Amino acid sequence: MPILVMALLALAVFGLIGILLTVAVVLEHRTLDRATNGNAAHPVAADATPSPSPTFHTPRGGDAPTQDQSEKEKVHEHACTG
């Protein structure tokens, strides 16, 4: 009898873990769908003019790369800087 109770308890625990994993996957897919439907993270005002060449996340100073890098150098720099 105690083995049967332990088996039922283990079944309940594994079932609870499965339910939690299912809920986590569903919620993650919902947030991905929201992110692809509309990118509202960077709203632009109606009277704002976008910059023709934004320079975000570029190093400045002595470590700044030259503008005529090859694709391989760009990928390597991106991989090294994270």
PDB file of N, CA and C in Angstrom:
ATOM      1  N   MET A   1       0.812  -1.213   0.000  1.00  0.00           N
ATOM      2  CA  MET A   1       0.000   0.000   0.000  1.00  0.00           C
ATOM      3  C   MET A   1       0.854   1.275   0.000  1.00  0.00           C
ATOM      4  N   PRO A   2       1.918   1.372   0.778  1.00  0.00           N
ATOM      5  CA  PRO A   2       2.730   2.590   0.752  1.00  0.00           C
ATOM      6  C   PRO A   2       3.380   2.823  -0.618  1.00  0.00           C
ATOM      7  N   ILE A   3       3.716   1.764  -1.329  1.00  0.00           N
ATOM      8  CA  ILE A   3       4.310   1.916  -2.662  1.00  0.00           C
ATOM      9  C   ILE A   3       3.296   2.540  -3.611  1.00  0.00           C
ATOM     10  N   LEU A   4       2.049   2.127  -3.500  1.00  0.00           N
ATOM     11  CA  LEU A   4       0.994   2.674  -4.341  1.00  0.00           C
ATOM     12  C   LEU A   4       0.798   4.165  -4.059  1.00  0.00           C
ATOM     13  N   VAL A   5       0.845   4.576  -2.819  1.00  0.00           N
ATOM     14  CA  VAL A   5       0.694   5.975  -2.452  1.00  0.00           C
ATOM     15  C   VAL A   5       1.873   6.785  -2.979  1.00  0.00           C
ATOM     16  N   MET A   6       3.090   6.234  -2.863  1.00  0.00           N
ATOM     17  CA  MET A   6       4.266   6.926  -3.391  1.00  0.00           C
ATOM     18  C   MET A   6       4.193   7.063  -4.909  1.00  0.00           C
ATOM     19  N   ALA A   7       3.682   6.036  -5.581  1.00  0.00           N
ATOM     20  CA  ALA A   7       3.547   6.098  -7.038  1.00  0.00           C
ATOM     21  C   ALA A   7       2.524   7.154  -7.434  1.00  0.00           C
ATOM     22  N   LEU A   8       1.428   7.230  -6.730  1.00  0.00           N
ATOM     23  CA  LEU A   8       0.424   8.246  -7.018  1.00  0.00           C
ATOM     24  C   LEU A   8       0.960   9.649  -6.732  1.00  0.00           C
ATOM     25  N   LEU A   9       1.737   9.789  -5.668  1.00  0.00           N
ATOM     26  CA  LEU A   9       2.351  11.073  -5.347  1.00  0.00           C
ATOM     27  C   LEU A   9       3.348  11.480  -6.440  1.00  0.00           C
ATOM     28  N   ALA A  10       4.159  10.538  -6.907  1.00  0.00           N
ATOM     29  CA  ALA A  10       5.113  10.829  -7.977  1.00  0.00           C
ATOM     30  C   ALA A  10       4.375  11.193  -9.261  1.00  0.00           C
ATOM     31  N   LEU A  11       3.292  10.500  -9.557  1.00  0.00           N
ATOM     32  CA  LEU A  11       2.496  10.808 -10.745  1.00  0.00           C
ATOM     33  C   LEU A  11       1.914  12.217 -10.658  1.00  0.00           C
ATOM     34  N   ALA A  12       1.459  12.593  -9.479  1.00  0.00           N
ATOM     35  CA  ALA A  12       0.904  13.941  -9.292  1.00  0.00           C
ATOM     36  C   ALA A  12       1.996  15.003  -9.458  1.00  0.00           C
ATOM     37  N   VAL A  13       3.188  14.744  -8.927  1.00  0.00           N
ATOM     38  CA  VAL A  13       4.286  15.708  -9.047  1.00  0.00           C
ATOM     39  C   VAL A  13       4.701  15.859 -10.500  1.00  0.00           C
ATOM     40  N   PHE A  14       4.873  14.733 -11.217  1.00  0.00           N
ATOM     41  CA  PHE A  14       5.252  14.811 -12.631  1.00  0.00           C
ATOM     42  C   PHE A  14       4.158  15.461 -13.473  1.00  0.00           C
ATOM     43  N   GLY A  15       2.914  15.224 -13.129  1.00  0.00           N
ATOM     44  CA  GLY A  15       1.813  15.872 -13.838  1.00  0.00           C
ATOM     45  C   GLY A  15       1.827  17.376 -13.618  1.00  0.00           C
ATOM     46  N   LEU A  16       2.110  17.797 -12.386  1.00  0.00           N
ATOM     47  CA  LEU A  16       2.197  19.228 -12.081  1.00  0.00           C
ATOM     48  C   LEU A  16       3.354  19.877 -12.831  1.00  0.00           C
ATOM     49  N   ILE A  17       4.485  19.183 -12.900  1.00  0.00           N
ATOM     50  CA  ILE A  17       5.625  19.704 -13.653  1.00  0.00           C
ATOM     51  C   ILE A  17       5.272  19.828 -15.130  1.00  0.00           C
ATOM     52  N   GLY A  18       4.596  18.852 -15.684  1.00  0.00           N
ATOM     53  CA  GLY A  18       4.182  18.905 -17.085  1.00  0.00           C
ATOM     54  C   GLY A  18       3.229  20.055 -17.361  1.00  0.00           C
ATOM     55  N   ILE A  19       2.301  20.277 -16.449  1.00  0.00           N
ATOM     56  CA  ILE A  19       1.357  21.388 -16.616  1.00  0.00           C
ATOM     57  C   ILE A  19       2.089  22.720 -16.569  1.00  0.00           C
ATOM     58  N   LEU A  20       3.027  22.871 -15.634  1.00  0.00           N
ATOM     59  CA  LEU A  20       3.786  24.118 -15.539  1.00  0.00           C
ATOM     60  C   LEU A  20       4.637  24.352 -16.784  1.00  0.00           C
ATOM     61  N   LEU A  21       5.239  23.306 -17.313  1.00  0.00           N
ATOM     62  CA  LEU A  21       6.023  23.454 -18.540  1.00  0.00           C
ATOM     63  C   LEU A  21       5.141  23.850 -19.720  1.00  0.00           C
ATOM     64  N   THR A  22       3.970  23.268 -19.809  1.00  0.00           N
ATOM     65  CA  THR A  22       3.046  23.614 -20.887  1.00  0.00           C
ATOM     66  C   THR A  22       2.623  25.077 -20.792  1.00  0.00           C
ATOM     67  N   VAL A  23       2.308  25.527 -19.587  1.00  0.00           N
ATOM     68  CA  VAL A  23       1.916  26.923 -19.392  1.00  0.00           C
ATOM     69  C   VAL A  23       3.068  27.856 -19.765  1.00  0.00           C
ATOM     70  N   ALA A  24       4.297  27.492 -19.395  1.00  0.00           N
ATOM     71  CA  ALA A  24       5.451  28.330 -19.717  1.00  0.00           C
ATOM     72  C   ALA A  24       5.658  28.438 -21.222  1.00  0.00           C
ATOM     73  N   VAL A  25       5.503  27.337 -21.942  1.00  0.00           N
ATOM     74  CA  VAL A  25       5.672  27.358 -23.400  1.00  0.00           C
ATOM     75  C   VAL A  25       4.587  28.208 -24.050  1.00  0.00           C
ATOM     76  N   VAL A  26       3.362  28.074 -23.599  1.00  0.00           N
ATOM     77  CA  VAL A  26       2.260  28.856 -24.169  1.00  0.00           C
ATOM     78  C   VAL A  26       2.476  30.341 -23.927  1.00  0.00           C
ATOM     79  N   LEU A  27       2.882  30.698 -22.714  1.00  0.00           N
ATOM     80  CA  LEU A  27       3.114  32.115 -22.419  1.00  0.00           C
ATOM     81  C   LEU A  27       4.287  32.665 -23.216  1.00  0.00           C
ATOM     82  N   GLU A  28       5.325  31.870 -23.414  1.00  0.00           N
ATOM     83  CA  GLU A  28       6.466  32.350 -24.193  1.00  0.00           C
ATOM     84  C   GLU A  28       6.078  32.559 -25.653  1.00  0.00           C
ATOM     85  N   HIS A  29       5.262  31.676 -26.195  1.00  0.00           N
ATOM     86  CA  HIS A  29       4.828  31.851 -27.584  1.00  0.00           C
ATOM     87  C   HIS A  29       3.933  33.076 -27.729  1.00  0.00           C
ATOM     88  N   ARG A  30       3.151  33.373 -26.709  1.00  0.00           N
ATOM     89  CA  ARG A  30       2.314  34.571 -26.766  1.00  0.00           C
ATOM     90  C   ARG A  30       3.158  35.834 -26.802  1.00  0.00           C
ATOM     91  N   THR A  31       4.203  35.892 -25.973  1.00  0.00           N
ATOM     92  CA  THR A  31       5.037  37.091 -25.956  1.00  0.00           C
ATOM     93  C   THR A  31       5.807  37.227 -27.257  1.00  0.00           C
ATOM     94  N   LEU A  32       6.206  36.115 -27.880  1.00  0.00           N
ATOM     95  CA  LEU A  32       6.891  36.185 -29.169  1.00  0.00           C
ATOM     96  C   LEU A  32       5.938  36.670 -30.255  1.00  0.00           C
ATOM     97  N   ASP A  33       4.683  36.231 -30.197  1.00  0.00           N
ATOM     98  CA  ASP A  33       3.695  36.679 -31.180  1.00  0.00           C
ATOM     99  C   ASP A  33       3.436  38.170 -31.040  1.00  0.00           C
ATOM    100  N   ARG A  34       3.380  38.662 -29.805  1.00  0.00           N
ATOM    101  CA  ARG A  34       3.174  40.095 -29.598  1.00  0.00           C
ATOM    102  C   ARG A  34       4.353  40.902 -30.116  1.00  0.00           C
ATOM    103  N   ALA A  35       5.551  40.384 -29.934  1.00  0.00           N
ATOM    104  CA  ALA A  35       6.742  41.101 -30.377  1.00  0.00           C
ATOM    105  C   ALA A  35       6.818  41.167 -31.894  1.00  0.00           C
ATOM    106  N   THR A  36       6.365  40.116 -32.587  1.00  0.00           N
ATOM    107  CA  THR A  36       6.418  40.124 -34.047  1.00  0.00           C
ATOM    108  C   THR A  36       5.269  40.904 -34.663  1.00  0.00           C
ATOM    109  N   ASN A  37       4.132  41.000 -33.970  1.00  0.00           N
ATOM    110  CA  ASN A  37       2.989  41.728 -34.526  1.00  0.00           C
ATOM    111  C   ASN A  37       3.251  43.220 -34.625  1.00  0.00           C
ATOM    112  N   GLY A  38       3.867  43.781 -33.650  1.00  0.00           N
ATOM    113  CA  GLY A  38       4.141  45.214 -33.675  1.00  0.00           C
ATOM    114  C   GLY A  38       5.318  45.531 -32.791  1.00  0.00           C
ATOM    115  N   ASN A  39       6.273  46.208 -33.326  1.00  0.00           N
ATOM    116  CA  ASN A  39       7.445  46.555 -32.540  1.00  0.00           C
ATOM    117  C   ASN A  39       7.195  47.898 -31.884  1.00  0.00           C
ATOM    118  N   ALA A  40       6.554  47.873 -30.729  1.00  0.00           N
ATOM    119  CA  ALA A  40       6.223  49.101 -30.019  1.00  0.00           C
ATOM    120  C   ALA A  40       7.302  49.483 -29.024  1.00  0.00           C
ATOM    121  N   ALA A  41       8.438  48.815 -29.070  1.00  0.00           N
ATOM    122  CA  ALA A  41       9.509  49.124 -28.132  1.00  0.00           C
ATOM    123  C   ALA A  41      10.135  50.475 -28.436  1.00  0.00           C
ATOM    124  N   HIS A  42      10.134  50.885 -29.712  1.00  0.00           N
ATOM    125  CA  HIS A  42      10.735  52.150 -30.108  1.00  0.00           C
ATOM    126  C   HIS A  42       9.740  52.961 -30.931  1.00  0.00           C
ATOM    127  N   PRO A  43       8.742  53.540 -30.282  1.00  0.00           N
ATOM    128  CA  PRO A  43       7.773  54.323 -31.043  1.00  0.00           C
ATOM    129  C   PRO A  43       8.404  55.619 -31.558  1.00  0.00           C
ATOM    130  N   VAL A  44       7.964  56.035 -32.714  1.00  0.00           N
ATOM    131  CA  VAL A  44       8.471  57.266 -33.323  1.00  0.00           C
ATOM    132  C   VAL A  44       7.320  58.262 -33.368  1.00  0.00           C
ATOM    133  N   ALA A  45       7.588  59.470 -32.894  1.00  0.00           N
ATOM    134  CA  ALA A  45       6.567  60.511 -32.911  1.00  0.00           C
ATOM    135  C   ALA A  45       6.287  60.934 -34.354  1.00  0.00           C
ATOM    136  N   ALA A  46       5.116  61.470 -34.588  1.00  0.00           N
ATOM    137  CA  ALA A  46       4.722  61.834 -35.945  1.00  0.00           C
ATOM    138  C   ALA A  46       5.575  62.971 -36.500  1.00  0.00           C
ATOM    139  N   ASP A  47       6.023  63.895 -35.648  1.00  0.00           N
ATOM    140  CA  ASP A  47       6.782  65.028 -36.139  1.00  0.00           C
ATOM    141  C   ASP A  47       8.298  64.799 -36.107  1.00  0.00           C
ATOM    142  N   ALA A  48       8.739  63.625 -35.680  1.00  0.00           N
ATOM    143  CA  ALA A  48      10.168  63.340 -35.601  1.00  0.00           C
ATOM    144  C   ALA A  48      10.671  62.816 -36.951  1.00  0.00           C
ATOM    145  N   THR A  49      11.855  63.254 -37.328  1.00  0.00           N
ATOM    146  CA  THR A  49      12.460  62.757 -38.559  1.00  0.00           C
ATOM    147  C   THR A  49      13.517  61.732 -38.204  1.00  0.00           C
ATOM    148  N   PRO A  50      13.463  60.562 -38.814  1.00  0.00           N
ATOM    149  CA  PRO A  50      14.432  59.525 -38.482  1.00  0.00           C
ATOM    150  C   PRO A  50      15.819  59.890 -38.994  1.00  0.00           C
ATOM    151  N   SER A  51      16.825  59.440 -38.289  1.00  0.00           N
ATOM    152  CA  SER A  51      18.202  59.718 -38.671  1.00  0.00           C
ATOM    153  C   SER A  51      18.560  58.894 -39.908  1.00  0.00           C
ATOM    154  N   PRO A  52      19.241  59.465 -40.891  1.00  0.00           N
ATOM    155  CA  PRO A  52      19.573  58.701 -42.095  1.00  0.00           C
ATOM    156  C   PRO A  52      20.593  57.598 -41.830  1.00  0.00           C
ATOM    157  N   SER A  53      21.469  57.780 -40.869  1.00  0.00           N
ATOM    158  CA  SER A  53      22.438  56.723 -40.556  1.00  0.00           C
ATOM    159  C   SER A  53      22.673  56.688 -39.054  1.00  0.00           C
ATOM    160  N   PRO A  54      21.836  55.947 -38.334  1.00  0.00           N
ATOM    161  CA  PRO A  54      22.020  55.880 -36.890  1.00  0.00           C
ATOM    162  C   PRO A  54      23.289  55.107 -36.561  1.00  0.00           C
ATOM    163  N   THR A  55      23.984  55.540 -35.525  1.00  0.00           N
ATOM    164  CA  THR A  55      25.213  54.874 -35.105  1.00  0.00           C
ATOM    165  C   THR A  55      25.059  54.437 -33.657  1.00  0.00           C
ATOM    166  N   PHE A  56      24.341  53.368 -33.441  1.00  0.00           N
ATOM    167  CA  PHE A  56      24.131  52.837 -32.116  1.00  0.00           C
ATOM    168  C   PHE A  56      25.172  51.759 -31.828  1.00  0.00           C
ATOM    169  N   HIS A  57      25.587  51.674 -30.614  1.00  0.00           N
ATOM    170  CA  HIS A  57      26.489  50.629 -30.130  1.00  0.00           C
ATOM    171  C   HIS A  57      27.803  50.592 -30.911  1.00  0.00           C
ATOM    172  N   THR A  58      28.365  51.712 -31.248  1.00  0.00           N
ATOM    173  CA  THR A  58      29.653  51.716 -31.919  1.00  0.00           C
ATOM    174  C   THR A  58      30.707  52.203 -30.938  1.00  0.00           C
ATOM    175  N   PRO A  59      31.851  51.554 -30.900  1.00  0.00           N
ATOM    176  CA  PRO A  59      32.904  51.999 -29.992  1.00  0.00           C
ATOM    177  C   PRO A  59      33.518  53.299 -30.478  1.00  0.00           C
ATOM    178  N   ARG A  60      33.994  54.087 -29.540  1.00  0.00           N
ATOM    179  CA  ARG A  60      34.599  55.365 -29.879  1.00  0.00           C
ATOM    180  C   ARG A  60      36.005  55.398 -29.309  1.00  0.00           C
ATOM    181  N   GLY A  61      36.826  56.224 -29.875  1.00  0.00           N
ATOM    182  CA  GLY A  61      38.174  56.391 -29.359  1.00  0.00           C
ATOM    183  C   GLY A  61      39.175  55.536 -30.109  1.00  0.00           C
ATOM    184  N   GLY A  62      40.225  55.119 -29.416  1.00  0.00           N
ATOM    185  CA  GLY A  62      41.306  54.368 -30.040  1.00  0.00           C
ATOM    186  C   GLY A  62      40.895  52.974 -30.491  1.00  0.00           C
ATOM    187  N   ASP A  63      39.871  52.389 -29.854  1.00  0.00           N
ATOM    188  CA  ASP A  63      39.438  51.047 -30.220  1.00  0.00           C
ATOM    189  C   ASP A  63      38.399  51.050 -31.323  1.00  0.00           C
ATOM    190  N   ALA A  64      38.063  52.184 -31.836  1.00  0.00           N
ATOM    191  CA  ALA A  64      37.029  52.270 -32.867  1.00  0.00           C
ATOM    192  C   ALA A  64      37.532  51.630 -34.161  1.00  0.00           C
ATOM    193  N   PRO A  65      36.714  50.779 -34.773  1.00  0.00           N
ATOM    194  CA  PRO A  65      37.141  50.148 -36.015  1.00  0.00           C
ATOM    195  C   PRO A  65      37.080  51.130 -37.184  1.00  0.00           C
ATOM    196  N   THR A  66      37.817  50.833 -38.204  1.00  0.00           N
ATOM    197  CA  THR A  66      37.762  51.667 -39.408  1.00  0.00           C
ATOM    198  C   THR A  66      36.477  51.372 -40.152  1.00  0.00           C
ATOM    199  N   GLN A  67      36.060  52.278 -41.013  1.00  0.00           N
ATOM    200  CA  GLN A  67      34.792  52.127 -41.714  1.00  0.00           C
ATOM    201  C   GLN A  67      34.858  51.096 -42.841  1.00  0.00           C
ATOM    202  N   ASP A  68      36.046  50.732 -43.319  1.00  0.00           N
ATOM    203  CA  ASP A  68      36.156  49.809 -44.452  1.00  0.00           C
ATOM    204  C   ASP A  68      36.556  48.413 -43.978  1.00  0.00           C
ATOM    205  N   GLN A  69      35.743  47.835 -43.085  1.00  0.00           N
ATOM    206  CA  GLN A  69      35.992  46.489 -42.606  1.00  0.00           C
ATOM    207  C   GLN A  69      35.331  45.484 -43.536  1.00  0.00           C
ATOM    208  N   SER A  70      35.921  44.292 -43.617  1.00  0.00           N
ATOM    209  CA  SER A  70      35.291  43.233 -44.384  1.00  0.00           C
ATOM    210  C   SER A  70      34.191  42.600 -43.536  1.00  0.00           C
ATOM    211  N   GLU A  71      33.367  41.785 -44.164  1.00  0.00           N
ATOM    212  CA  GLU A  71      32.286  41.121 -43.431  1.00  0.00           C
ATOM    213  C   GLU A  71      32.856  40.203 -42.359  1.00  0.00           C
ATOM    214  N   LYS A  72      33.955  39.527 -42.667  1.00  0.00           N
ATOM    215  CA  LYS A  72      34.556  38.622 -41.699  1.00  0.00           C
ATOM    216  C   LYS A  72      35.032  39.388 -40.465  1.00  0.00           C
ATOM    217  N   GLU A  73      35.628  40.562 -40.665  1.00  0.00           N
ATOM    218  CA  GLU A  73      36.079  41.366 -39.539  1.00  0.00           C
ATOM    219  C   GLU A  73      34.903  41.881 -38.725  1.00  0.00           C
ATOM    220  N   LYS A  74      33.819  42.256 -39.391  1.00  0.00           N
ATOM    221  CA  LYS A  74      32.642  42.738 -38.674  1.00  0.00           C
ATOM    222  C   LYS A  74      32.047  41.637 -37.803  1.00  0.00           C
ATOM    223  N   VAL A  75      31.949  40.417 -38.366  1.00  0.00           N
ATOM    224  CA  VAL A  75      31.387  39.298 -37.612  1.00  0.00           C
ATOM    225  C   VAL A  75      32.302  38.962 -36.442  1.00  0.00           C
ATOM    226  N   HIS A  76      33.616  38.975 -36.671  1.00  0.00           N
ATOM    227  CA  HIS A  76      34.559  38.664 -35.604  1.00  0.00           C
ATOM    228  C   HIS A  76      34.475  39.704 -34.482  1.00  0.00           C
ATOM    229  N   GLU A  77      34.395  40.972 -34.844  1.00  0.00           N
ATOM    230  CA  GLU A  77      34.297  42.026 -33.842  1.00  0.00           C
ATOM    231  C   GLU A  77      33.001  41.895 -33.057  1.00  0.00           C
ATOM    232  N   HIS A  78      31.917  41.585 -33.747  1.00  0.00           N
ATOM    233  CA  HIS A  78      30.626  41.426 -33.068  1.00  0.00           C
ATOM    234  C   HIS A  78      30.673  40.246 -32.110  1.00  0.00           C
ATOM    235  N   ALA A  79      31.325  39.153 -32.530  1.00  0.00           N
ATOM    236  CA  ALA A  79      31.409  37.974 -31.674  1.00  0.00           C
ATOM    237  C   ALA A  79      32.288  38.249 -30.453  1.00  0.00           C
ATOM    238  N   CYS A  80      33.312  39.053 -30.626  1.00  0.00           N
ATOM    239  CA  CYS A  80      34.230  39.346 -29.522  1.00  0.00           C
ATOM    240  C   CYS A  80      33.649  40.334 -28.526  1.00  0.00           C
ATOM    241  N   THR A  81      32.873  41.293 -29.005  1.00  0.00           N
ATOM    242  CA  THR A  81      32.341  42.321 -28.121  1.00  0.00           C
ATOM    243  C   THR A  81      31.039  41.915 -27.465  1.00  0.00           C
ATOM    244  N   GLY A  82      30.371  40.885 -27.974  1.00  0.00           N
ATOM    245  CA  GLY A  82      29.166  40.385 -27.350  1.00  0.00           C
ATOM    246  C   GLY A  82      27.995  41.107 -27.825  1.00  0.00           C
TER     247      GLY A  82
END
